[in-house]
Amino acid sequence: MRPATETIVTGNASRSFVLAFLCLVIASAVHAQVEAIDLTPVFLAGGIEIDRLMVYKISDIVLIRGRTSDPAAAAAAGTFAWTLGYRRIANLIEIVPALSDRGIERLAASQLSKERELDGCRFQITSLKGVVQLRGSTVRDIQKDLAIGVLRKIDGVKAVSFEESPD
């Protein structure tokens, strides 16, 4: 009978040890979690012009995201982080082919024509260096917001403005 009692005591002791170890590991992991710090305003103020730019510092790593058609602009974002003193940099800026202004205008017209909610609207679209000017008339005010939202999603579009034109 004696050996069975020792086995039970040893089993309980090992379970207690494992439980204590797990509590210690979990507490350490919770303490080690670090919140992300948004550095995007610093990069924008520093002249980094990248579409959809997002920069976060997580622990000691700077994560840079966005899209551009200019590889030199993407590299400049990484260099800027280096000049700020960061040494662990994840530059994940996506290089996308540039659309010409004429290509943006054609794609914008196509995208707007596919939106059933914009039936009855008339638009004229112009683009200059990715800044889109939308002129036209809508049946309801919410259609203007929808059209602007559709155009903002197009690659290469930097800004969209709307001007109501008389019927």
C-alpha atoms as a PDB file:
ATOM      1  CA  MET A   1       0.000   0.000   0.000  1.00  0.00           C
ATOM      2  CA  ARG A   2       2.832   2.388   0.720  1.00  0.00           C
ATOM      3  CA  PRO A   3       4.163   2.682  -2.878  1.00  0.00           C
ATOM      4  CA  ALA A   4       0.689   3.618  -4.178  1.00  0.00           C
ATOM      5  CA  THR A   5       0.460   6.508  -1.696  1.00  0.00           C
ATOM      6  CA  GLU A   6       3.864   7.816  -2.758  1.00  0.00           C
ATOM      7  CA  THR A   7       2.816   7.697  -6.417  1.00  0.00           C
ATOM      8  CA  ILE A   8      -0.294   9.752  -5.710  1.00  0.00           C
ATOM      9  CA  VAL A   9       1.714  12.336  -3.754  1.00  0.00           C
ATOM     10  CA  THR A  10       4.303  12.548  -6.544  1.00  0.00           C
ATOM     11  CA  GLY A  11       1.509  12.919  -9.140  1.00  0.00           C
ATOM     12  CA  ASN A  12      -0.085  15.766  -7.173  1.00  0.00           C
ATOM     13  CA  ALA A  13       3.298  17.446  -6.689  1.00  0.00           C
ATOM     14  CA  SER A  14       4.091  17.288 -10.395  1.00  0.00           C
ATOM     15  CA  ARG A  15       0.646  18.652 -11.267  1.00  0.00           C
ATOM     16  CA  SER A  16       1.170  21.516  -8.832  1.00  0.00           C
ATOM     17  CA  PHE A  17       4.568  22.225 -10.335  1.00  0.00           C
ATOM     18  CA  VAL A  18       3.128  22.251 -13.897  1.00  0.00           C
ATOM     19  CA  LEU A  19       0.266  24.516 -12.805  1.00  0.00           C
ATOM     20  CA  ALA A  20       2.673  26.942 -11.114  1.00  0.00           C
ATOM     21  CA  PHE A  21       4.915  26.930 -14.183  1.00  0.00           C
ATOM     22  CA  LEU A  22       1.961  27.656 -16.498  1.00  0.00           C
ATOM     23  CA  CYS A  23       0.825  30.536 -14.281  1.00  0.00           C
ATOM     24  CA  LEU A  24       4.331  32.001 -14.387  1.00  0.00           C
ATOM     25  CA  VAL A  25       4.572  31.679 -18.193  1.00  0.00           C
ATOM     26  CA  ILE A  26       1.126  33.202 -18.737  1.00  0.00           C
ATOM     27  CA  ALA A  27       1.902  36.106 -16.405  1.00  0.00           C
ATOM     28  CA  SER A  28       5.178  36.737 -18.246  1.00  0.00           C
ATOM     29  CA  ALA A  29       3.449  36.657 -21.634  1.00  0.00           C
ATOM     30  CA  VAL A  30       0.782  39.115 -20.504  1.00  0.00           C
ATOM     31  CA  HIS A  31       3.433  41.458 -19.124  1.00  0.00           C
ATOM     32  CA  ALA A  32       5.500  41.230 -22.338  1.00  0.00           C
ATOM     33  CA  GLN A  33       2.658  42.383 -24.603  1.00  0.00           C
ATOM     34  CA  VAL A  34       3.266  45.907 -25.868  1.00  0.00           C
ATOM     35  CA  GLU A  35       0.733  48.243 -27.418  1.00  0.00           C
ATOM     36  CA  ALA A  36       1.347  49.552 -30.914  1.00  0.00           C
ATOM     37  CA  ILE A  37       2.368  53.200 -31.138  1.00  0.00           C
ATOM     38  CA  ASP A  38       1.103  55.062 -34.204  1.00  0.00           C
ATOM     39  CA  LEU A  39       4.011  56.881 -35.861  1.00  0.00           C
ATOM     40  CA  THR A  40       2.095  57.787 -39.016  1.00  0.00           C
ATOM     41  CA  PRO A  41       1.802  61.514 -38.159  1.00  0.00           C
ATOM     42  CA  VAL A  42       5.579  61.705 -37.624  1.00  0.00           C
ATOM     43  CA  PHE A  43       6.239  60.238 -41.072  1.00  0.00           C
ATOM     44  CA  LEU A  44       3.677  62.483 -42.757  1.00  0.00           C
ATOM     45  CA  ALA A  45       5.204  65.542 -41.080  1.00  0.00           C
ATOM     46  CA  GLY A  46       8.603  64.311 -42.283  1.00  0.00           C
ATOM     47  CA  GLY A  47       7.452  64.496 -45.904  1.00  0.00           C
ATOM     48  CA  ILE A  48       6.838  60.807 -46.557  1.00  0.00           C
ATOM     49  CA  GLU A  49       4.089  60.745 -49.193  1.00  0.00           C
ATOM     50  CA  ILE A  50       2.823  57.196 -49.561  1.00  0.00           C
ATOM     51  CA  ASP A  51      -0.764  56.246 -50.410  1.00  0.00           C
ATOM     52  CA  ARG A  52      -2.552  54.667 -47.406  1.00  0.00           C
ATOM     53  CA  LEU A  53       0.528  55.140 -45.220  1.00  0.00           C
ATOM     54  CA  MET A  54       0.408  53.445 -41.804  1.00  0.00           C
ATOM     55  CA  VAL A  55       3.433  53.326 -39.502  1.00  0.00           C
ATOM     56  CA  TYR A  56       3.396  51.589 -36.122  1.00  0.00           C
ATOM     57  CA  LYS A  57       6.061  50.837 -33.553  1.00  0.00           C
ATOM     58  CA  ILE A  58       5.489  47.482 -31.916  1.00  0.00           C
ATOM     59  CA  SER A  59       8.041  46.657 -29.240  1.00  0.00           C
ATOM     60  CA  ASP A  60      11.293  47.702 -30.961  1.00  0.00           C
ATOM     61  CA  ILE A  61      10.121  47.073 -34.540  1.00  0.00           C
ATOM     62  CA  VAL A  62       8.767  49.785 -36.840  1.00  0.00           C
ATOM     63  CA  LEU A  63       6.176  48.443 -39.274  1.00  0.00           C
ATOM     64  CA  ILE A  64       5.626  50.574 -42.388  1.00  0.00           C
ATOM     65  CA  ARG A  65       2.696  49.841 -44.717  1.00  0.00           C
ATOM     66  CA  GLY A  66       1.224  51.619 -47.701  1.00  0.00           C
ATOM     67  CA  ARG A  67       1.213  51.647 -51.497  1.00  0.00           C
ATOM     68  CA  THR A  68       3.163  53.545 -54.109  1.00  0.00           C
ATOM     69  CA  SER A  69       4.246  53.222 -57.698  1.00  0.00           C
ATOM     70  CA  ASP A  70       7.643  54.735 -56.855  1.00  0.00           C
ATOM     71  CA  PRO A  71      10.198  52.305 -55.373  1.00  0.00           C
ATOM     72  CA  ALA A  72      12.374  55.269 -54.330  1.00  0.00           C
ATOM     73  CA  ALA A  73       9.503  56.662 -52.231  1.00  0.00           C
ATOM     74  CA  ALA A  74       9.134  53.289 -50.506  1.00  0.00           C
ATOM     75  CA  ALA A  75      12.863  53.193 -49.782  1.00  0.00           C
ATOM     76  CA  ALA A  76      12.732  56.774 -48.467  1.00  0.00           C
ATOM     77  CA  ALA A  77      10.205  55.699 -45.841  1.00  0.00           C
ATOM     78  CA  GLY A  78      12.619  53.050 -44.539  1.00  0.00           C
ATOM     79  CA  THR A  79      15.503  55.513 -44.599  1.00  0.00           C
ATOM     80  CA  PHE A  80      13.420  58.046 -42.673  1.00  0.00           C
ATOM     81  CA  ALA A  81      12.731  55.442 -39.963  1.00  0.00           C
ATOM     82  CA  TRP A  82      16.485  54.766 -39.777  1.00  0.00           C
ATOM     83  CA  THR A  83      17.250  58.486 -39.353  1.00  0.00           C
ATOM     84  CA  LEU A  84      14.775  58.585 -36.465  1.00  0.00           C
ATOM     85  CA  GLY A  85      16.938  56.002 -34.700  1.00  0.00           C
ATOM     86  CA  TYR A  86      14.929  52.858 -35.338  1.00  0.00           C
ATOM     87  CA  ARG A  87      17.073  49.876 -36.307  1.00  0.00           C
ATOM     88  CA  ARG A  88      14.482  47.121 -36.716  1.00  0.00           C
ATOM     89  CA  ILE A  89      12.320  48.202 -39.639  1.00  0.00           C
ATOM     90  CA  ALA A  90       9.751  46.147 -41.543  1.00  0.00           C
ATOM     91  CA  ASN A  91       9.140  48.135 -44.719  1.00  0.00           C
ATOM     92  CA  LEU A  92       6.071  46.448 -46.214  1.00  0.00           C
ATOM     93  CA  ILE A  93       5.150  49.193 -48.670  1.00  0.00           C
ATOM     94  CA  GLU A  94       3.585  47.615 -51.732  1.00  0.00           C
ATOM     95  CA  ILE A  95       4.865  48.725 -55.134  1.00  0.00           C
ATOM     96  CA  VAL A  96       1.896  48.947 -57.523  1.00  0.00           C
ATOM     97  CA  PRO A  97       1.921  49.895 -61.184  1.00  0.00           C
ATOM     98  CA  ALA A  98       0.913  53.505 -61.725  1.00  0.00           C
ATOM     99  CA  LEU A  99      -2.232  54.343 -63.604  1.00  0.00           C
ATOM    100  CA  SER A 100      -2.128  57.366 -65.849  1.00  0.00           C
ATOM    101  CA  ASP A 101      -4.685  60.089 -65.235  1.00  0.00           C
ATOM    102  CA  ARG A 102      -6.515  58.927 -68.348  1.00  0.00           C
ATOM    103  CA  GLY A 103      -6.510  55.363 -66.991  1.00  0.00           C
ATOM    104  CA  ILE A 104      -7.902  56.585 -63.665  1.00  0.00           C
ATOM    105  CA  GLU A 105     -10.661  58.470 -65.496  1.00  0.00           C
ATOM    106  CA  ARG A 106     -11.629  55.403 -67.558  1.00  0.00           C
ATOM    107  CA  LEU A 107     -11.588  53.090 -64.543  1.00  0.00           C
ATOM    108  CA  ALA A 108     -13.559  55.594 -62.459  1.00  0.00           C
ATOM    109  CA  ALA A 109     -16.260  55.876 -65.136  1.00  0.00           C
ATOM    110  CA  SER A 110     -16.430  52.090 -65.360  1.00  0.00           C
ATOM    111  CA  GLN A 111     -16.670  51.632 -61.578  1.00  0.00           C
ATOM    112  CA  LEU A 112     -19.394  54.279 -61.221  1.00  0.00           C
ATOM    113  CA  SER A 113     -21.448  52.759 -64.052  1.00  0.00           C
ATOM    114  CA  LYS A 114     -21.442  49.396 -62.247  1.00  0.00           C
ATOM    115  CA  GLU A 115     -23.012  50.823 -59.089  1.00  0.00           C
ATOM    116  CA  ARG A 116     -26.787  50.298 -59.323  1.00  0.00           C
ATOM    117  CA  GLU A 117     -27.314  52.741 -56.466  1.00  0.00           C
ATOM    118  CA  LEU A 118     -26.024  55.514 -58.757  1.00  0.00           C
ATOM    119  CA  ASP A 119     -28.705  55.028 -61.424  1.00  0.00           C
ATOM    120  CA  GLY A 120     -30.039  58.417 -62.517  1.00  0.00           C
ATOM    121  CA  CYS A 121     -26.796  60.257 -61.710  1.00  0.00           C
ATOM    122  CA  ARG A 122     -24.644  62.037 -64.273  1.00  0.00           C
ATOM    123  CA  PHE A 123     -20.912  62.487 -63.738  1.00  0.00           C
ATOM    124  CA  GLN A 124     -17.940  64.037 -65.476  1.00  0.00           C
ATOM    125  CA  ILE A 125     -14.575  62.786 -64.194  1.00  0.00           C
ATOM    126  CA  THR A 126     -11.168  64.418 -64.514  1.00  0.00           C
ATOM    127  CA  SER A 127      -7.901  63.400 -62.902  1.00  0.00           C
ATOM    128  CA  LEU A 128      -4.704  65.366 -62.503  1.00  0.00           C
ATOM    129  CA  LYS A 129      -1.804  63.485 -60.886  1.00  0.00           C
ATOM    130  CA  GLY A 130      -4.275  61.224 -59.094  1.00  0.00           C
ATOM    131  CA  VAL A 131      -6.458  64.027 -57.732  1.00  0.00           C
ATOM    132  CA  VAL A 132      -9.925  63.292 -59.090  1.00  0.00           C
ATOM    133  CA  GLN A 133     -12.508  66.003 -59.698  1.00  0.00           C
ATOM    134  CA  LEU A 134     -16.041  64.630 -59.947  1.00  0.00           C
ATOM    135  CA  ARG A 135     -18.663  66.975 -61.386  1.00  0.00           C
ATOM    136  CA  GLY A 136     -22.269  66.107 -61.903  1.00  0.00           C
ATOM    137  CA  SER A 137     -25.674  65.736 -60.419  1.00  0.00           C
ATOM    138  CA  THR A 138     -27.204  63.163 -58.111  1.00  0.00           C
ATOM    139  CA  VAL A 139     -30.797  62.276 -57.315  1.00  0.00           C
ATOM    140  CA  ARG A 140     -30.088  61.956 -53.571  1.00  0.00           C
ATOM    141  CA  ASP A 141     -27.285  63.408 -51.434  1.00  0.00           C
ATOM    142  CA  ILE A 142     -26.148  59.961 -50.274  1.00  0.00           C
ATOM    143  CA  GLN A 143     -25.271  59.085 -53.880  1.00  0.00           C
ATOM    144  CA  LYS A 144     -22.559  61.750 -53.839  1.00  0.00           C
ATOM    145  CA  ASP A 145     -20.930  60.057 -50.820  1.00  0.00           C
ATOM    146  CA  LEU A 146     -21.194  56.645 -52.495  1.00  0.00           C
ATOM    147  CA  ALA A 147     -19.553  57.912 -55.703  1.00  0.00           C
ATOM    148  CA  ILE A 148     -16.711  59.515 -53.764  1.00  0.00           C
ATOM    149  CA  GLY A 149     -16.200  56.292 -51.786  1.00  0.00           C
ATOM    150  CA  VAL A 150     -16.039  54.213 -54.971  1.00  0.00           C
ATOM    151  CA  LEU A 151     -13.430  56.525 -56.504  1.00  0.00           C
ATOM    152  CA  ARG A 152     -11.245  56.587 -53.385  1.00  0.00           C
ATOM    153  CA  LYS A 153     -10.744  52.826 -53.666  1.00  0.00           C
ATOM    154  CA  ILE A 154      -9.114  53.072 -57.102  1.00  0.00           C
ATOM    155  CA  ASP A 155      -5.343  52.521 -57.150  1.00  0.00           C
ATOM    156  CA  GLY A 156      -3.536  55.775 -57.805  1.00  0.00           C
ATOM    157  CA  VAL A 157      -6.333  58.036 -56.573  1.00  0.00           C
ATOM    158  CA  LYS A 158      -4.931  60.409 -53.968  1.00  0.00           C
ATOM    159  CA  ALA A 159      -7.986  62.605 -53.358  1.00  0.00           C
ATOM    160  CA  VAL A 160     -11.536  63.058 -54.648  1.00  0.00           C
ATOM    161  CA  SER A 161     -13.639  66.194 -54.686  1.00  0.00           C
ATOM    162  CA  PHE A 162     -17.211  66.662 -55.857  1.00  0.00           C
ATOM    163  CA  GLU A 163     -18.748  69.690 -57.518  1.00  0.00           C
ATOM    164  CA  GLU A 164     -22.493  69.827 -58.084  1.00  0.00           C
ATOM    165  CA  SER A 165     -23.345  70.897 -61.607  1.00  0.00           C
ATOM    166  CA  PRO A 166     -26.699  72.381 -62.574  1.00  0.00           C
ATOM    167  CA  ASP A 167     -29.128  70.137 -64.421  1.00  0.00           C
END
